[in-house]
Amino acid sequence: MKPLPAIYLASQSPRRQQLLTQIGVSFELLLPSDPNEAEALENVLPGEDPETYVRRVTRLKLQAALARLKERQGPSRPVLCADTTVALRGEIMGKPRHAKHALAMLTQLSGRTHQVLTAVALGEGRRVQLRVQVSQVTFAPLRTEDLKAYVKSGEPMGKAGAYGIQGMAASFVKSIQGSHSGIMGLPLYETHQLLSHWVKE
């Protein structure tokens, strides 16, 4: 097995950092000076379907990161970006704006199957590769009191679909078809394939 390349990770997510470490990838963070920069790229365009959205946002994040690297004159190495979105019946469910919004989103997900789409992109210079992983997640029917307690914990804020499967919301999940790491924010199989392919070329 060939060693995977050292990369830049253009993500503030501690989960993505943890997942890369889990598969032995050496990385250096490449973060924007303004922490709100990535958020500004995540606006949904009218009529945009979930996969088109997650691909577009991930490409925008990668372009911004590559420009940042060029500006900072860092050593050349691949840059990895990712974006995750949650969709219910084709409707994109972004990050909750406030606690009431989070509760409304979780109520919609209760007792239903939704999709979690994560795009991961690797780029260096003009070379770019991108993959999308889609998982099906089914929530058990949930009591309003339990959802209110979860929202009160603060965990839903800043998370697509208003939940994090690596936290307390794991107890809401009745079944998964797909990638657990993809639902967390970085599909490890696809990421490993991208990095391995990068080395071969």
N, C-alpha and C. Protein backbone atom coordinates (compact mmCIF):
# COMPACT_ATOMS: atom_id res chain seq x y z
N MET A 1 0.84 -1.20 0.00
CA MET A 1 0.00 0.00 0.00
C MET A 1 0.88 1.25 0.00
N LYS A 2 0.66 2.10 -1.01
CA LYS A 2 1.44 3.32 -1.10
C LYS A 2 1.00 4.32 -0.03
N PRO A 3 1.94 5.10 0.51
CA PRO A 3 1.55 6.12 1.48
C PRO A 3 0.70 7.19 0.80
N LEU A 4 -0.28 7.71 1.54
CA LEU A 4 -1.12 8.77 1.00
C LEU A 4 -0.39 10.11 1.08
N PRO A 5 -0.69 11.02 0.16
CA PRO A 5 0.03 12.29 0.16
C PRO A 5 -0.35 13.17 1.35
N ALA A 6 0.59 13.98 1.79
CA ALA A 6 0.29 15.01 2.79
C ALA A 6 -0.55 16.08 2.08
N ILE A 7 -1.53 16.61 2.78
CA ILE A 7 -2.45 17.54 2.14
C ILE A 7 -2.70 18.77 3.03
N TYR A 8 -3.38 19.75 2.43
CA TYR A 8 -3.99 20.83 3.19
C TYR A 8 -5.47 20.48 3.37
N LEU A 9 -6.01 20.73 4.54
CA LEU A 9 -7.43 20.56 4.80
C LEU A 9 -8.05 21.94 4.97
N ALA A 10 -8.94 22.29 4.05
CA ALA A 10 -9.60 23.60 4.12
C ALA A 10 -10.97 23.42 4.78
N SER A 11 -10.96 23.09 6.05
CA SER A 11 -12.20 22.88 6.80
C SER A 11 -11.95 23.14 8.28
N GLN A 12 -12.90 23.82 8.89
CA GLN A 12 -12.80 24.08 10.33
C GLN A 12 -13.41 22.95 11.16
N SER A 13 -13.98 21.95 10.49
CA SER A 13 -14.69 20.89 11.19
C SER A 13 -13.74 19.97 11.95
N PRO A 14 -13.89 19.88 13.27
CA PRO A 14 -13.04 18.94 14.04
C PRO A 14 -13.33 17.49 13.66
N ARG A 15 -14.55 17.21 13.18
CA ARG A 15 -14.89 15.85 12.77
C ARG A 15 -14.08 15.43 11.54
N ARG A 16 -13.94 16.33 10.59
CA ARG A 16 -13.16 16.00 9.39
C ARG A 16 -11.69 15.80 9.75
N GLN A 17 -11.20 16.60 10.66
CA GLN A 17 -9.81 16.44 11.10
C GLN A 17 -9.63 15.07 11.76
N GLN A 18 -10.58 14.70 12.60
CA GLN A 18 -10.53 13.42 13.31
C GLN A 18 -10.58 12.26 12.31
N LEU A 19 -11.44 12.36 11.31
CA LEU A 19 -11.60 11.28 10.34
C LEU A 19 -10.35 11.11 9.48
N LEU A 20 -9.72 12.21 9.07
CA LEU A 20 -8.48 12.11 8.31
C LEU A 20 -7.38 11.45 9.14
N THR A 21 -7.29 11.83 10.39
CA THR A 21 -6.31 11.23 11.29
C THR A 21 -6.55 9.73 11.43
N GLN A 22 -7.83 9.36 11.44
CA GLN A 22 -8.22 7.95 11.60
C GLN A 22 -7.64 7.07 10.48
N ILE A 23 -7.57 7.61 9.26
CA ILE A 23 -7.04 6.80 8.15
C ILE A 23 -5.57 7.15 7.82
N GLY A 24 -4.92 7.86 8.75
CA GLY A 24 -3.49 8.09 8.62
C GLY A 24 -3.06 9.15 7.64
N VAL A 25 -3.93 10.12 7.37
CA VAL A 25 -3.58 11.19 6.44
C VAL A 25 -2.92 12.34 7.20
N SER A 26 -1.76 12.74 6.74
CA SER A 26 -1.06 13.89 7.32
C SER A 26 -1.59 15.16 6.67
N PHE A 27 -2.01 16.12 7.48
CA PHE A 27 -2.59 17.34 6.91
C PHE A 27 -2.22 18.58 7.71
N GLU A 28 -2.30 19.70 7.02
CA GLU A 28 -2.11 21.02 7.63
C GLU A 28 -3.36 21.82 7.33
N LEU A 29 -3.88 22.54 8.31
CA LEU A 29 -5.09 23.31 8.10
C LEU A 29 -4.82 24.53 7.22
N LEU A 30 -5.73 24.79 6.31
CA LEU A 30 -5.66 25.95 5.42
C LEU A 30 -6.98 26.69 5.55
N LEU A 31 -7.08 27.53 6.57
CA LEU A 31 -8.34 28.16 6.91
C LEU A 31 -8.38 29.63 6.50
N PRO A 32 -9.57 30.15 6.19
CA PRO A 32 -9.69 31.57 5.85
C PRO A 32 -9.47 32.44 7.08
N SER A 33 -9.04 33.66 6.85
CA SER A 33 -8.87 34.61 7.96
C SER A 33 -10.22 34.95 8.58
N ASP A 34 -11.25 35.01 7.74
CA ASP A 34 -12.62 35.29 8.19
C ASP A 34 -13.36 33.97 8.33
N PRO A 35 -13.73 33.55 9.55
CA PRO A 35 -14.41 32.27 9.74
C PRO A 35 -15.77 32.20 9.06
N ASN A 36 -16.34 33.36 8.69
CA ASN A 36 -17.65 33.37 8.04
C ASN A 36 -17.56 33.23 6.52
N GLU A 37 -16.33 33.14 6.01
CA GLU A 37 -16.14 33.07 4.55
C GLU A 37 -16.84 31.86 3.95
N ALA A 38 -16.67 30.69 4.58
CA ALA A 38 -17.27 29.46 4.06
C ALA A 38 -18.79 29.54 4.11
N GLU A 39 -19.32 30.13 5.18
CA GLU A 39 -20.78 30.24 5.32
C GLU A 39 -21.37 31.03 4.16
N ALA A 40 -20.65 32.05 3.71
CA ALA A 40 -21.15 32.90 2.63
C ALA A 40 -21.27 32.15 1.31
N LEU A 41 -20.54 31.05 1.17
CA LEU A 41 -20.57 30.27 -0.07
C LEU A 41 -21.72 29.27 -0.09
N GLU A 42 -22.43 29.11 1.03
CA GLU A 42 -23.39 28.02 1.17
C GLU A 42 -24.83 28.40 0.86
N ASN A 43 -25.06 29.57 0.28
CA ASN A 43 -26.42 29.96 -0.07
C ASN A 43 -26.95 29.07 -1.20
N VAL A 44 -28.20 28.65 -1.07
CA VAL A 44 -28.83 27.80 -2.07
C VAL A 44 -29.39 28.66 -3.20
N LEU A 45 -29.13 28.26 -4.44
CA LEU A 45 -29.68 28.97 -5.59
C LEU A 45 -31.10 28.50 -5.86
N PRO A 46 -31.94 29.37 -6.41
CA PRO A 46 -33.34 28.98 -6.69
C PRO A 46 -33.41 27.75 -7.59
N GLY A 47 -34.23 26.78 -7.18
CA GLY A 47 -34.44 25.58 -7.97
C GLY A 47 -33.29 24.58 -7.95
N GLU A 48 -32.30 24.79 -7.10
CA GLU A 48 -31.12 23.93 -7.08
C GLU A 48 -31.41 22.62 -6.36
N ASP A 49 -31.07 21.48 -7.00
CA ASP A 49 -31.29 20.20 -6.34
C ASP A 49 -30.11 19.91 -5.41
N PRO A 50 -30.29 18.99 -4.44
CA PRO A 50 -29.26 18.76 -3.42
C PRO A 50 -27.88 18.38 -3.96
N GLU A 51 -27.82 17.48 -4.96
CA GLU A 51 -26.50 17.07 -5.45
C GLU A 51 -25.80 18.19 -6.20
N THR A 52 -26.55 18.92 -7.03
CA THR A 52 -25.95 20.07 -7.73
C THR A 52 -25.42 21.08 -6.72
N TYR A 53 -26.22 21.30 -5.67
CA TYR A 53 -25.83 22.25 -4.63
C TYR A 53 -24.53 21.85 -3.95
N VAL A 54 -24.46 20.59 -3.48
CA VAL A 54 -23.30 20.17 -2.69
C VAL A 54 -22.04 20.14 -3.57
N ARG A 55 -22.19 19.79 -4.85
CA ARG A 55 -21.05 19.83 -5.78
C ARG A 55 -20.57 21.27 -5.98
N ARG A 56 -21.52 22.17 -6.22
CA ARG A 56 -21.15 23.58 -6.49
C ARG A 56 -20.47 24.21 -5.29
N VAL A 57 -21.03 24.01 -4.10
CA VAL A 57 -20.47 24.63 -2.90
C VAL A 57 -19.06 24.08 -2.61
N THR A 58 -18.88 22.78 -2.80
CA THR A 58 -17.56 22.19 -2.55
C THR A 58 -16.53 22.74 -3.53
N ARG A 59 -16.91 22.89 -4.79
CA ARG A 59 -15.99 23.48 -5.79
C ARG A 59 -15.63 24.92 -5.43
N LEU A 60 -16.64 25.68 -4.97
CA LEU A 60 -16.38 27.07 -4.56
C LEU A 60 -15.42 27.13 -3.37
N LYS A 61 -15.63 26.23 -2.42
CA LYS A 61 -14.74 26.18 -1.25
C LYS A 61 -13.31 25.83 -1.68
N LEU A 62 -13.19 24.90 -2.63
CA LEU A 62 -11.87 24.51 -3.11
C LEU A 62 -11.20 25.65 -3.85
N GLN A 63 -11.94 26.34 -4.71
CA GLN A 63 -11.38 27.48 -5.44
C GLN A 63 -10.87 28.55 -4.47
N ALA A 64 -11.66 28.82 -3.44
CA ALA A 64 -11.26 29.83 -2.45
C ALA A 64 -10.01 29.39 -1.70
N ALA A 65 -9.93 28.10 -1.37
CA ALA A 65 -8.77 27.57 -0.64
C ALA A 65 -7.51 27.60 -1.50
N LEU A 66 -7.64 27.25 -2.78
CA LEU A 66 -6.48 27.28 -3.67
C LEU A 66 -5.97 28.70 -3.86
N ALA A 67 -6.90 29.65 -3.94
CA ALA A 67 -6.51 31.06 -4.05
C ALA A 67 -5.81 31.52 -2.77
N ARG A 68 -6.30 31.04 -1.64
CA ARG A 68 -5.70 31.38 -0.34
C ARG A 68 -4.27 30.84 -0.26
N LEU A 69 -4.08 29.61 -0.73
CA LEU A 69 -2.75 29.00 -0.71
C LEU A 69 -1.78 29.78 -1.59
N LYS A 70 -2.25 30.18 -2.76
CA LYS A 70 -1.41 30.94 -3.68
C LYS A 70 -1.01 32.28 -3.07
N GLU A 71 -1.98 32.91 -2.43
CA GLU A 71 -1.73 34.22 -1.80
C GLU A 71 -0.73 34.10 -0.65
N ARG A 72 -0.84 33.00 0.10
CA ARG A 72 0.05 32.80 1.25
C ARG A 72 1.39 32.17 0.86
N GLN A 73 1.49 31.77 -0.40
CA GLN A 73 2.73 31.21 -0.95
C GLN A 73 3.21 30.00 -0.15
N GLY A 74 2.26 29.14 0.19
CA GLY A 74 2.60 27.91 0.91
C GLY A 74 3.16 26.86 -0.02
N PRO A 75 3.82 25.84 0.52
CA PRO A 75 4.35 24.75 -0.30
C PRO A 75 3.22 24.07 -1.08
N SER A 76 3.51 23.64 -2.29
CA SER A 76 2.51 23.01 -3.14
C SER A 76 2.20 21.59 -2.66
N ARG A 77 0.92 21.34 -2.43
CA ARG A 77 0.42 19.99 -2.09
C ARG A 77 -1.09 20.02 -2.29
N PRO A 78 -1.73 18.87 -2.41
CA PRO A 78 -3.17 18.86 -2.66
C PRO A 78 -3.97 19.50 -1.52
N VAL A 79 -5.08 20.13 -1.91
CA VAL A 79 -5.99 20.75 -0.95
C VAL A 79 -7.30 19.97 -0.96
N LEU A 80 -7.78 19.62 0.22
CA LEU A 80 -9.03 18.86 0.34
C LEU A 80 -10.12 19.73 0.95
N CYS A 81 -11.29 19.70 0.31
CA CYS A 81 -12.47 20.41 0.81
C CYS A 81 -13.65 19.46 0.81
N ALA A 82 -14.64 19.74 1.63
CA ALA A 82 -15.85 18.92 1.65
C ALA A 82 -17.04 19.78 2.08
N ASP A 83 -18.21 19.31 1.70
CA ASP A 83 -19.44 19.97 2.15
C ASP A 83 -20.52 18.91 2.30
N THR A 84 -21.34 19.08 3.32
CA THR A 84 -22.40 18.12 3.61
C THR A 84 -23.74 18.84 3.65
N THR A 85 -24.74 18.22 3.03
CA THR A 85 -26.09 18.77 3.13
C THR A 85 -27.08 17.65 3.41
N VAL A 86 -28.19 18.02 3.99
CA VAL A 86 -29.27 17.09 4.30
C VAL A 86 -30.47 17.45 3.42
N ALA A 87 -31.12 16.43 2.87
CA ALA A 87 -32.27 16.68 2.01
C ALA A 87 -33.43 15.76 2.39
N LEU A 88 -34.61 16.32 2.41
CA LEU A 88 -35.82 15.55 2.68
C LEU A 88 -36.76 15.74 1.51
N ARG A 89 -37.05 14.64 0.81
CA ARG A 89 -37.91 14.68 -0.37
C ARG A 89 -37.44 15.72 -1.38
N GLY A 90 -36.12 15.77 -1.57
CA GLY A 90 -35.55 16.67 -2.56
C GLY A 90 -35.35 18.10 -2.10
N GLU A 91 -35.79 18.43 -0.90
CA GLU A 91 -35.64 19.79 -0.37
C GLU A 91 -34.40 19.87 0.52
N ILE A 92 -33.55 20.85 0.22
CA ILE A 92 -32.32 21.04 0.98
C ILE A 92 -32.63 21.60 2.36
N MET A 93 -32.09 20.94 3.38
CA MET A 93 -32.25 21.42 4.75
C MET A 93 -30.88 21.87 5.23
N GLY A 94 -30.67 23.15 5.28
CA GLY A 94 -29.37 23.69 5.67
C GLY A 94 -29.19 23.72 7.18
N LYS A 95 -28.39 24.67 7.62
CA LYS A 95 -28.14 24.81 9.05
C LYS A 95 -29.25 25.66 9.67
N PRO A 96 -29.71 25.32 10.87
CA PRO A 96 -30.80 26.08 11.48
C PRO A 96 -30.38 27.50 11.83
N ARG A 97 -31.29 28.43 11.63
CA ARG A 97 -31.01 29.85 11.91
C ARG A 97 -31.13 30.15 13.40
N HIS A 98 -31.98 29.40 14.08
CA HIS A 98 -32.21 29.61 15.53
C HIS A 98 -32.86 28.35 16.09
N ALA A 99 -33.08 28.34 17.39
CA ALA A 99 -33.59 27.14 18.06
C ALA A 99 -34.96 26.71 17.54
N LYS A 100 -35.84 27.65 17.28
CA LYS A 100 -37.17 27.32 16.79
C LYS A 100 -37.08 26.66 15.41
N HIS A 101 -36.19 27.16 14.59
CA HIS A 101 -35.97 26.59 13.25
C HIS A 101 -35.42 25.17 13.37
N ALA A 102 -34.49 24.97 14.30
CA ALA A 102 -33.91 23.64 14.52
C ALA A 102 -35.00 22.64 14.92
N LEU A 103 -35.90 23.06 15.82
CA LEU A 103 -36.97 22.18 16.26
C LEU A 103 -37.90 21.83 15.10
N ALA A 104 -38.20 22.80 14.26
CA ALA A 104 -39.07 22.56 13.10
C ALA A 104 -38.43 21.57 12.14
N MET A 105 -37.11 21.70 11.92
CA MET A 105 -36.40 20.80 11.02
C MET A 105 -36.40 19.37 11.56
N LEU A 106 -36.10 19.23 12.83
CA LEU A 106 -36.06 17.90 13.46
C LEU A 106 -37.44 17.25 13.47
N THR A 107 -38.47 18.05 13.65
CA THR A 107 -39.84 17.53 13.62
C THR A 107 -40.16 16.97 12.24
N GLN A 108 -39.68 17.64 11.19
CA GLN A 108 -39.87 17.15 9.82
C GLN A 108 -39.15 15.81 9.61
N LEU A 109 -37.98 15.66 10.20
CA LEU A 109 -37.18 14.44 10.01
C LEU A 109 -37.71 13.26 10.84
N SER A 110 -38.43 13.54 11.90
CA SER A 110 -38.93 12.50 12.80
C SER A 110 -39.77 11.46 12.06
N GLY A 111 -39.38 10.18 12.20
CA GLY A 111 -40.14 9.09 11.61
C GLY A 111 -40.01 8.96 10.11
N ARG A 112 -39.06 9.68 9.52
CA ARG A 112 -38.91 9.67 8.05
C ARG A 112 -37.47 9.33 7.65
N THR A 113 -37.34 9.00 6.37
CA THR A 113 -36.02 8.75 5.79
C THR A 113 -35.58 9.97 5.00
N HIS A 114 -34.37 10.42 5.26
CA HIS A 114 -33.83 11.56 4.53
C HIS A 114 -32.47 11.19 3.94
N GLN A 115 -31.94 12.06 3.13
CA GLN A 115 -30.65 11.83 2.49
C GLN A 115 -29.60 12.77 3.09
N VAL A 116 -28.39 12.24 3.24
CA VAL A 116 -27.23 13.06 3.61
C VAL A 116 -26.24 12.95 2.46
N LEU A 117 -25.93 14.09 1.85
CA LEU A 117 -25.02 14.12 0.71
C LEU A 117 -23.74 14.84 1.13
N THR A 118 -22.61 14.20 0.92
CA THR A 118 -21.33 14.83 1.20
C THR A 118 -20.47 14.78 -0.06
N ALA A 119 -20.02 15.94 -0.51
CA ALA A 119 -19.08 16.03 -1.62
C ALA A 119 -17.69 16.26 -1.04
N VAL A 120 -16.70 15.57 -1.60
CA VAL A 120 -15.31 15.77 -1.20
C VAL A 120 -14.51 16.05 -2.47
N ALA A 121 -13.69 17.09 -2.42
CA ALA A 121 -12.91 17.50 -3.59
C ALA A 121 -11.44 17.62 -3.21
N LEU A 122 -10.59 17.27 -4.16
CA LEU A 122 -9.15 17.38 -3.98
C LEU A 122 -8.62 18.17 -5.17
N GLY A 123 -7.79 19.18 -4.88
CA GLY A 123 -7.29 20.02 -5.96
C GLY A 123 -5.87 20.48 -5.72
N GLU A 124 -5.16 20.67 -6.82
CA GLU A 124 -3.80 21.23 -6.78
C GLU A 124 -3.55 21.86 -8.13
N GLY A 125 -3.26 23.16 -8.12
CA GLY A 125 -3.13 23.87 -9.39
C GLY A 125 -4.46 23.85 -10.12
N ARG A 126 -4.44 23.37 -11.39
CA ARG A 126 -5.69 23.29 -12.16
C ARG A 126 -6.33 21.90 -12.09
N ARG A 127 -5.68 20.99 -11.42
CA ARG A 127 -6.19 19.61 -11.33
C ARG A 127 -7.19 19.50 -10.18
N VAL A 128 -8.37 18.99 -10.48
CA VAL A 128 -9.42 18.86 -9.48
C VAL A 128 -10.14 17.53 -9.68
N GLN A 129 -10.40 16.84 -8.57
CA GLN A 129 -11.23 15.64 -8.58
C GLN A 129 -12.27 15.78 -7.48
N LEU A 130 -13.49 15.31 -7.77
CA LEU A 130 -14.59 15.46 -6.81
C LEU A 130 -15.47 14.22 -6.84
N ARG A 131 -15.89 13.80 -5.67
CA ARG A 131 -16.84 12.68 -5.55
C ARG A 131 -17.95 13.06 -4.58
N VAL A 132 -19.11 12.45 -4.80
CA VAL A 132 -20.26 12.68 -3.92
C VAL A 132 -20.72 11.34 -3.35
N GLN A 133 -20.95 11.32 -2.06
CA GLN A 133 -21.47 10.12 -1.39
C GLN A 133 -22.86 10.46 -0.84
N VAL A 134 -23.82 9.58 -1.10
CA VAL A 134 -25.20 9.80 -0.64
C VAL A 134 -25.61 8.66 0.28
N SER A 135 -26.08 9.00 1.46
CA SER A 135 -26.56 8.01 2.43
C SER A 135 -28.04 8.26 2.73
N GLN A 136 -28.73 7.17 3.06
CA GLN A 136 -30.14 7.25 3.48
C GLN A 136 -30.17 7.05 5.00
N VAL A 137 -30.78 7.98 5.68
CA VAL A 137 -30.86 7.91 7.15
C VAL A 137 -32.33 7.94 7.56
N THR A 138 -32.73 6.97 8.38
CA THR A 138 -34.11 6.92 8.86
C THR A 138 -34.14 7.23 10.35
N PHE A 139 -34.90 8.24 10.71
CA PHE A 139 -35.12 8.58 12.12
C PHE A 139 -36.33 7.80 12.64
N ALA A 140 -36.25 7.36 13.87
CA ALA A 140 -37.42 6.79 14.55
C ALA A 140 -38.40 7.93 14.83
N PRO A 141 -39.67 7.62 15.04
CA PRO A 141 -40.61 8.66 15.49
C PRO A 141 -40.14 9.21 16.83
N LEU A 142 -40.06 10.53 16.92
CA LEU A 142 -39.47 11.16 18.11
C LEU A 142 -40.48 12.03 18.84
N ARG A 143 -40.40 12.01 20.16
CA ARG A 143 -41.29 12.83 20.98
C ARG A 143 -40.84 14.28 20.95
N THR A 144 -41.81 15.19 20.94
CA THR A 144 -41.49 16.62 20.92
C THR A 144 -40.64 17.01 22.12
N GLU A 145 -40.90 16.40 23.28
CA GLU A 145 -40.12 16.73 24.48
C GLU A 145 -38.64 16.37 24.30
N ASP A 146 -38.39 15.23 23.62
CA ASP A 146 -37.01 14.82 23.39
C ASP A 146 -36.32 15.75 22.41
N LEU A 147 -37.06 16.18 21.39
CA LEU A 147 -36.48 17.10 20.41
C LEU A 147 -36.18 18.45 21.05
N LYS A 148 -37.07 18.91 21.90
CA LYS A 148 -36.85 20.20 22.59
C LYS A 148 -35.61 20.12 23.48
N ALA A 149 -35.45 18.99 24.16
CA ALA A 149 -34.28 18.82 25.03
C ALA A 149 -33.00 18.79 24.20
N TYR A 150 -33.07 18.16 23.04
CA TYR A 150 -31.90 18.11 22.15
C TYR A 150 -31.54 19.50 21.63
N VAL A 151 -32.54 20.25 21.23
CA VAL A 151 -32.30 21.62 20.75
C VAL A 151 -31.71 22.47 21.87
N LYS A 152 -32.22 22.28 23.07
CA LYS A 152 -31.73 23.05 24.23
C LYS A 152 -30.26 22.77 24.51
N SER A 153 -29.80 21.58 24.14
CA SER A 153 -28.38 21.24 24.35
C SER A 153 -27.44 22.08 23.49
N GLY A 154 -27.99 22.66 22.41
CA GLY A 154 -27.16 23.48 21.52
C GLY A 154 -26.48 22.70 20.41
N GLU A 155 -26.53 21.38 20.48
CA GLU A 155 -25.83 20.56 19.48
C GLU A 155 -26.32 20.76 18.04
N PRO A 156 -27.62 21.01 17.81
CA PRO A 156 -28.08 21.14 16.42
C PRO A 156 -27.54 22.36 15.68
N MET A 157 -27.13 23.39 16.41
CA MET A 157 -26.75 24.64 15.77
C MET A 157 -25.45 24.47 14.97
N GLY A 158 -25.46 25.02 13.78
CA GLY A 158 -24.28 24.95 12.92
C GLY A 158 -24.15 23.64 12.16
N LYS A 159 -25.20 22.80 12.22
CA LYS A 159 -25.14 21.50 11.55
C LYS A 159 -26.26 21.38 10.52
N ALA A 160 -25.92 20.89 9.34
CA ALA A 160 -26.93 20.65 8.31
C ALA A 160 -27.97 19.67 8.82
N GLY A 161 -29.24 20.02 8.62
CA GLY A 161 -30.31 19.15 9.10
C GLY A 161 -30.57 19.25 10.58
N ALA A 162 -29.82 20.10 11.27
CA ALA A 162 -29.99 20.36 12.70
C ALA A 162 -29.64 19.17 13.59
N TYR A 163 -28.70 18.33 13.12
CA TYR A 163 -28.26 17.25 14.02
C TYR A 163 -26.87 16.78 13.63
N GLY A 164 -26.20 16.16 14.60
CA GLY A 164 -24.90 15.56 14.36
C GLY A 164 -24.96 14.10 14.78
N ILE A 165 -24.71 13.20 13.84
CA ILE A 165 -24.84 11.76 14.14
C ILE A 165 -23.77 11.29 15.12
N GLN A 166 -22.68 12.05 15.23
CA GLN A 166 -21.61 11.66 16.15
C GLN A 166 -21.93 12.07 17.59
N GLY A 167 -23.06 12.76 17.79
CA GLY A 167 -23.43 13.22 19.13
C GLY A 167 -24.68 12.53 19.65
N MET A 168 -25.47 13.28 20.42
CA MET A 168 -26.66 12.72 21.06
C MET A 168 -27.69 12.25 20.06
N ALA A 169 -27.71 12.84 18.87
CA ALA A 169 -28.71 12.48 17.86
C ALA A 169 -28.52 11.06 17.33
N ALA A 170 -27.41 10.43 17.65
CA ALA A 170 -27.22 9.03 17.23
C ALA A 170 -28.36 8.15 17.73
N SER A 171 -28.95 8.52 18.85
CA SER A 171 -30.05 7.72 19.41
C SER A 171 -31.35 7.90 18.63
N PHE A 172 -31.41 8.89 17.73
CA PHE A 172 -32.60 9.10 16.91
C PHE A 172 -32.62 8.18 15.69
N VAL A 173 -31.44 7.68 15.32
CA VAL A 173 -31.27 6.99 14.04
C VAL A 173 -31.68 5.53 14.14
N LYS A 174 -32.72 5.19 13.38
CA LYS A 174 -33.23 3.82 13.35
C LYS A 174 -32.40 2.97 12.40
N SER A 175 -32.02 3.53 11.25
CA SER A 175 -31.21 2.78 10.29
C SER A 175 -30.45 3.71 9.36
N ILE A 176 -29.37 3.16 8.78
CA ILE A 176 -28.52 3.88 7.84
C ILE A 176 -28.24 2.97 6.65
N GLN A 177 -28.32 3.53 5.47
CA GLN A 177 -27.82 2.86 4.27
C GLN A 177 -26.82 3.81 3.64
N GLY A 178 -25.54 3.42 3.66
CA GLY A 178 -24.53 4.30 3.10
C GLY A 178 -23.29 4.37 3.96
N SER A 179 -22.77 5.57 4.14
CA SER A 179 -21.49 5.78 4.81
C SER A 179 -21.67 6.55 6.12
N HIS A 180 -21.32 5.90 7.23
CA HIS A 180 -21.41 6.59 8.52
C HIS A 180 -20.47 7.79 8.56
N SER A 181 -19.26 7.62 8.04
CA SER A 181 -18.31 8.74 8.04
C SER A 181 -18.77 9.85 7.10
N GLY A 182 -19.46 9.47 6.00
CA GLY A 182 -20.01 10.49 5.11
C GLY A 182 -21.06 11.33 5.80
N ILE A 183 -21.88 10.69 6.63
CA ILE A 183 -22.90 11.42 7.39
C ILE A 183 -22.23 12.35 8.40
N MET A 184 -21.08 11.93 8.91
CA MET A 184 -20.32 12.78 9.85
C MET A 184 -19.68 13.98 9.14
N GLY A 185 -19.48 13.87 7.81
CA GLY A 185 -18.94 15.02 7.09
C GLY A 185 -17.77 14.72 6.17
N LEU A 186 -17.28 13.46 6.16
CA LEU A 186 -16.18 13.12 5.26
C LEU A 186 -16.23 11.62 4.96
N PRO A 187 -16.73 11.22 3.78
CA PRO A 187 -16.80 9.80 3.45
C PRO A 187 -15.40 9.22 3.27
N LEU A 188 -14.99 8.35 4.16
CA LEU A 188 -13.60 7.89 4.18
C LEU A 188 -13.24 7.02 3.00
N TYR A 189 -14.16 6.20 2.53
CA TYR A 189 -13.84 5.36 1.36
C TYR A 189 -13.54 6.25 0.15
N GLU A 190 -14.44 7.18 -0.14
CA GLU A 190 -14.25 8.08 -1.29
C GLU A 190 -13.01 8.95 -1.12
N THR A 191 -12.77 9.42 0.10
CA THR A 191 -11.60 10.25 0.36
C THR A 191 -10.31 9.45 0.12
N HIS A 192 -10.28 8.22 0.62
CA HIS A 192 -9.11 7.37 0.42
C HIS A 192 -8.89 7.08 -1.06
N GLN A 193 -9.98 6.85 -1.79
CA GLN A 193 -9.86 6.60 -3.23
C GLN A 193 -9.29 7.81 -3.96
N LEU A 194 -9.77 8.98 -3.62
CA LEU A 194 -9.24 10.21 -4.23
C LEU A 194 -7.75 10.36 -3.97
N LEU A 195 -7.34 10.17 -2.73
CA LEU A 195 -5.93 10.34 -2.36
C LEU A 195 -5.05 9.27 -3.01
N SER A 196 -5.54 8.04 -3.04
CA SER A 196 -4.78 6.97 -3.67
C SER A 196 -4.60 7.21 -5.16
N HIS A 197 -5.68 7.65 -5.80
CA HIS A 197 -5.64 7.93 -7.25
C HIS A 197 -4.71 9.09 -7.53
N TRP A 198 -4.69 10.05 -6.62
CA TRP A 198 -3.83 11.23 -6.80
C TRP A 198 -2.36 10.81 -6.84
N VAL A 199 -2.00 9.86 -6.00
CA VAL A 199 -0.62 9.38 -5.93
C VAL A 199 -0.25 8.65 -7.22
N LYS A 200 -1.17 7.88 -7.78
CA LYS A 200 -0.91 7.06 -8.96
C LYS A 200 -0.65 7.90 -10.21
N GLU A 201 -1.32 9.04 -10.31
CA GLU A 201 -1.20 9.83 -11.54
C GLU A 201 0.09 10.63 -11.58
